[in-house]
């Protein structure tokens, strides 16, 4: 079934000029770019976006990182978009990343991991609404 998912290109990947590379990979893997937005997270918006991680040991570090620079949000569409995108993005843990994933190619670490992808269709709907304000 055709569905939509959200990909955030995080500040580390934006600073290293990987936005074009990542978009190209998305297109080559069958994703259709439906919308794109360049944004700067503030603390409130980052906390709302990552509320499911509140209280975890990495939460404050994650918020600091996401507020540290420009983020590029991509609204992507394809059949089984959420699952396909999660597989393409790869694991947050550098020791578990498959070599052909976005994170294996562009991530610097666990927090500085280049991209965020929605982890479920429910999360995708919530995240798309937060970033694109009803563009789903």
C-alpha atoms as a PDB file:
ATOM      1  CA  UNK A   1       0.000   0.000   0.000  1.00  0.00           C
ATOM      2  CA  UNK A   2       1.267   3.490  -0.836  1.00  0.00           C
ATOM      3  CA  UNK A   3       2.048   5.449   2.293  1.00  0.00           C
ATOM      4  CA  UNK A   4       3.986   8.475   3.425  1.00  0.00           C
ATOM      5  CA  UNK A   5       6.901   8.755   5.802  1.00  0.00           C
ATOM      6  CA  UNK A   6       9.107  11.506   7.140  1.00  0.00           C
ATOM      7  CA  UNK A   7      12.869  11.725   6.804  1.00  0.00           C
ATOM      8  CA  UNK A   8      14.796  14.385   8.683  1.00  0.00           C
ATOM      9  CA  UNK A   9      18.280  15.131   7.453  1.00  0.00           C
ATOM     10  CA  UNK A  10      19.887  16.159  10.728  1.00  0.00           C
ATOM     11  CA  UNK A  11      22.292  19.059  11.378  1.00  0.00           C
ATOM     12  CA  UNK A  12      25.457  16.937  11.081  1.00  0.00           C
ATOM     13  CA  UNK A  13      24.580  15.738   7.576  1.00  0.00           C
ATOM     14  CA  UNK A  14      23.409  19.211   6.513  1.00  0.00           C
ATOM     15  CA  UNK A  15      26.692  20.792   7.719  1.00  0.00           C
ATOM     16  CA  UNK A  16      28.669  18.217   5.732  1.00  0.00           C
ATOM     17  CA  UNK A  17      26.686  18.935   2.532  1.00  0.00           C
ATOM     18  CA  UNK A  18      25.070  15.478   2.299  1.00  0.00           C
ATOM     19  CA  UNK A  19      21.516  16.713   1.604  1.00  0.00           C
ATOM     20  CA  UNK A  20      21.746  16.245  -2.167  1.00  0.00           C
ATOM     21  CA  UNK A  21      23.339  12.812  -1.810  1.00  0.00           C
ATOM     22  CA  UNK A  22      20.613  11.652   0.556  1.00  0.00           C
ATOM     23  CA  UNK A  23      17.792  12.974  -1.651  1.00  0.00           C
ATOM     24  CA  UNK A  24      19.351  11.231  -4.662  1.00  0.00           C
ATOM     25  CA  UNK A  25      19.485   7.941  -2.751  1.00  0.00           C
ATOM     26  CA  UNK A  26      15.811   8.342  -1.795  1.00  0.00           C
ATOM     27  CA  UNK A  27      14.840   8.881  -5.431  1.00  0.00           C
ATOM     28  CA  UNK A  28      16.996   5.986  -6.630  1.00  0.00           C
ATOM     29  CA  UNK A  29      15.294   3.696  -4.091  1.00  0.00           C
ATOM     30  CA  UNK A  30      11.820   4.483  -5.381  1.00  0.00           C
ATOM     31  CA  UNK A  31      10.693   7.202  -2.979  1.00  0.00           C
ATOM     32  CA  UNK A  32       8.764  10.152  -4.377  1.00  0.00           C
ATOM     33  CA  UNK A  33       9.534  13.510  -2.782  1.00  0.00           C
ATOM     34  CA  UNK A  34       6.164  15.081  -1.960  1.00  0.00           C
ATOM     35  CA  UNK A  35       7.372  18.048   0.100  1.00  0.00           C
ATOM     36  CA  UNK A  36      10.597  19.499   1.464  1.00  0.00           C
ATOM     37  CA  UNK A  37      11.197  21.995   4.234  1.00  0.00           C
ATOM     38  CA  UNK A  38      14.322  23.591   5.639  1.00  0.00           C
ATOM     39  CA  UNK A  39      13.966  24.380   9.329  1.00  0.00           C
ATOM     40  CA  UNK A  40      15.771  25.159  12.543  1.00  0.00           C
ATOM     41  CA  UNK A  41      14.448  23.323  15.589  1.00  0.00           C
ATOM     42  CA  UNK A  42      14.053  25.341  18.755  1.00  0.00           C
ATOM     43  CA  UNK A  43      13.990  23.585  22.124  1.00  0.00           C
ATOM     44  CA  UNK A  44      10.187  23.520  22.370  1.00  0.00           C
ATOM     45  CA  UNK A  45       9.672  22.065  18.891  1.00  0.00           C
ATOM     46  CA  UNK A  46      12.468  19.502  19.344  1.00  0.00           C
ATOM     47  CA  UNK A  47      10.989  18.435  22.712  1.00  0.00           C
ATOM     48  CA  UNK A  48       7.563  18.000  21.118  1.00  0.00           C
ATOM     49  CA  UNK A  49       8.991  16.038  18.200  1.00  0.00           C
ATOM     50  CA  UNK A  50      11.066  13.717  20.418  1.00  0.00           C
ATOM     51  CA  UNK A  51       8.621  13.493  23.358  1.00  0.00           C
ATOM     52  CA  UNK A  52       8.740   9.672  23.281  1.00  0.00           C
ATOM     53  CA  UNK A  53      12.379   9.864  24.445  1.00  0.00           C
ATOM     54  CA  UNK A  54      11.753  12.237  27.393  1.00  0.00           C
ATOM     55  CA  UNK A  55      13.505  10.979  30.505  1.00  0.00           C
ATOM     56  CA  UNK A  56      15.973   8.756  28.651  1.00  0.00           C
ATOM     57  CA  UNK A  57      19.664   9.328  29.286  1.00  0.00           C
ATOM     58  CA  UNK A  58      20.313  10.662  25.764  1.00  0.00           C
ATOM     59  CA  UNK A  59      17.282  12.982  25.603  1.00  0.00           C
ATOM     60  CA  UNK A  60      18.948  16.312  26.515  1.00  0.00           C
ATOM     61  CA  UNK A  61      21.916  15.560  24.252  1.00  0.00           C
ATOM     62  CA  UNK A  62      19.486  14.778  21.405  1.00  0.00           C
ATOM     63  CA  UNK A  63      17.617  18.070  21.899  1.00  0.00           C
ATOM     64  CA  UNK A  64      20.905  20.033  21.994  1.00  0.00           C
ATOM     65  CA  UNK A  65      22.047  18.328  18.806  1.00  0.00           C
ATOM     66  CA  UNK A  66      18.767  18.858  16.933  1.00  0.00           C
ATOM     67  CA  UNK A  67      18.808  22.564  17.854  1.00  0.00           C
ATOM     68  CA  UNK A  68      22.463  22.977  16.825  1.00  0.00           C
ATOM     69  CA  UNK A  69      21.874  23.702  13.138  1.00  0.00           C
ATOM     70  CA  UNK A  70      19.696  23.402  10.077  1.00  0.00           C
ATOM     71  CA  UNK A  71      17.513  20.344   9.473  1.00  0.00           C
ATOM     72  CA  UNK A  72      15.977  19.380   6.129  1.00  0.00           C
ATOM     73  CA  UNK A  73      12.644  17.540   6.305  1.00  0.00           C
ATOM     74  CA  UNK A  74      11.486  15.336   3.435  1.00  0.00           C
ATOM     75  CA  UNK A  75       7.942  14.065   3.048  1.00  0.00           C
ATOM     76  CA  UNK A  76       8.399  10.837   1.108  1.00  0.00           C
ATOM     77  CA  UNK A  77       5.911   8.468  -0.509  1.00  0.00           C
ATOM     78  CA  UNK A  78       6.009   4.930  -1.907  1.00  0.00           C
ATOM     79  CA  UNK A  79       4.600   1.492  -1.280  1.00  0.00           C
ATOM     80  CA  UNK A  80       5.507   0.436   2.284  1.00  0.00           C
ATOM     81  CA  UNK A  81       7.312   3.751   2.781  1.00  0.00           C
ATOM     82  CA  UNK A  82       7.777   3.472   6.553  1.00  0.00           C
ATOM     83  CA  UNK A  83       9.349   0.001   6.568  1.00  0.00           C
ATOM     84  CA  UNK A  84      11.419   0.590   3.425  1.00  0.00           C
ATOM     85  CA  UNK A  85      12.737   3.899   4.739  1.00  0.00           C
ATOM     86  CA  UNK A  86      13.633   2.451   8.153  1.00  0.00           C
ATOM     87  CA  UNK A  87      15.606  -0.313   6.456  1.00  0.00           C
ATOM     88  CA  UNK A  88      17.386   2.155   4.165  1.00  0.00           C
ATOM     89  CA  UNK A  89      18.243   4.487   7.066  1.00  0.00           C
ATOM     90  CA  UNK A  90      19.871   1.739   9.147  1.00  0.00           C
ATOM     91  CA  UNK A  91      20.444   1.277  12.847  1.00  0.00           C
ATOM     92  CA  UNK A  92      21.328   4.124  15.211  1.00  0.00           C
ATOM     93  CA  UNK A  93      24.016   1.893  16.749  1.00  0.00           C
ATOM     94  CA  UNK A  94      27.167   2.110  14.580  1.00  0.00           C
ATOM     95  CA  UNK A  95      27.995  -1.530  15.416  1.00  0.00           C
ATOM     96  CA  UNK A  96      24.694  -2.741  13.969  1.00  0.00           C
ATOM     97  CA  UNK A  97      24.570  -0.700  10.736  1.00  0.00           C
ATOM     98  CA  UNK A  98      24.466  -2.500   7.416  1.00  0.00           C
ATOM     99  CA  UNK A  99      27.085  -1.007   5.046  1.00  0.00           C
ATOM    100  CA  UNK A 100      24.615   0.181   2.385  1.00  0.00           C
ATOM    101  CA  UNK A 101      22.486   2.281   4.754  1.00  0.00           C
ATOM    102  CA  UNK A 102      22.278   6.078   4.989  1.00  0.00           C
ATOM    103  CA  UNK A 103      23.701   6.036   8.507  1.00  0.00           C
ATOM    104  CA  UNK A 104      26.604   3.793   7.524  1.00  0.00           C
ATOM    105  CA  UNK A 105      27.465   6.246   4.748  1.00  0.00           C
ATOM    106  CA  UNK A 106      26.870   9.580   6.516  1.00  0.00           C
ATOM    107  CA  UNK A 107      26.504   9.241  10.322  1.00  0.00           C
ATOM    108  CA  UNK A 108      29.159  10.347  12.798  1.00  0.00           C
ATOM    109  CA  UNK A 109      27.904   8.473  15.861  1.00  0.00           C
ATOM    110  CA  UNK A 110      24.861   7.372  17.820  1.00  0.00           C
ATOM    111  CA  UNK A 111      23.297  10.818  18.339  1.00  0.00           C
ATOM    112  CA  UNK A 112      24.956  12.438  15.315  1.00  0.00           C
ATOM    113  CA  UNK A 113      23.425   9.824  13.042  1.00  0.00           C
ATOM    114  CA  UNK A 114      22.623  11.908   9.953  1.00  0.00           C
ATOM    115  CA  UNK A 115      18.898  11.170   9.653  1.00  0.00           C
ATOM    116  CA  UNK A 116      15.647  10.394  11.437  1.00  0.00           C
ATOM    117  CA  UNK A 117      12.930   8.223   9.887  1.00  0.00           C
ATOM    118  CA  UNK A 118       9.449   7.614  11.245  1.00  0.00           C
ATOM    119  CA  UNK A 119       9.284   4.241  13.028  1.00  0.00           C
ATOM    120  CA  UNK A 120       5.603   3.450  12.358  1.00  0.00           C
ATOM    121  CA  UNK A 121       2.690   4.696  10.287  1.00  0.00           C
ATOM    122  CA  UNK A 122       1.241   6.286  13.426  1.00  0.00           C
ATOM    123  CA  UNK A 123       4.525   8.101  14.139  1.00  0.00           C
ATOM    124  CA  UNK A 124       4.749   9.154  10.481  1.00  0.00           C
ATOM    125  CA  UNK A 125       1.321  10.806  10.651  1.00  0.00           C
ATOM    126  CA  UNK A 126       2.180  12.615  13.893  1.00  0.00           C
ATOM    127  CA  UNK A 127       5.627  13.724  12.697  1.00  0.00           C
ATOM    128  CA  UNK A 128       4.428  14.848   9.259  1.00  0.00           C
ATOM    129  CA  UNK A 129       1.713  16.930  10.921  1.00  0.00           C
ATOM    130  CA  UNK A 130       4.269  18.496  13.300  1.00  0.00           C
ATOM    131  CA  UNK A 131       6.692  19.413  10.522  1.00  0.00           C
ATOM    132  CA  UNK A 132       4.423  20.166   7.572  1.00  0.00           C
ATOM    133  CA  UNK A 133       1.259  21.262   9.427  1.00  0.00           C
ATOM    134  CA  UNK A 134      -1.323  19.105   7.696  1.00  0.00           C
ATOM    135  CA  UNK A 135       0.617  18.384   4.480  1.00  0.00           C
ATOM    136  CA  UNK A 136      -0.244  14.668   4.649  1.00  0.00           C
END
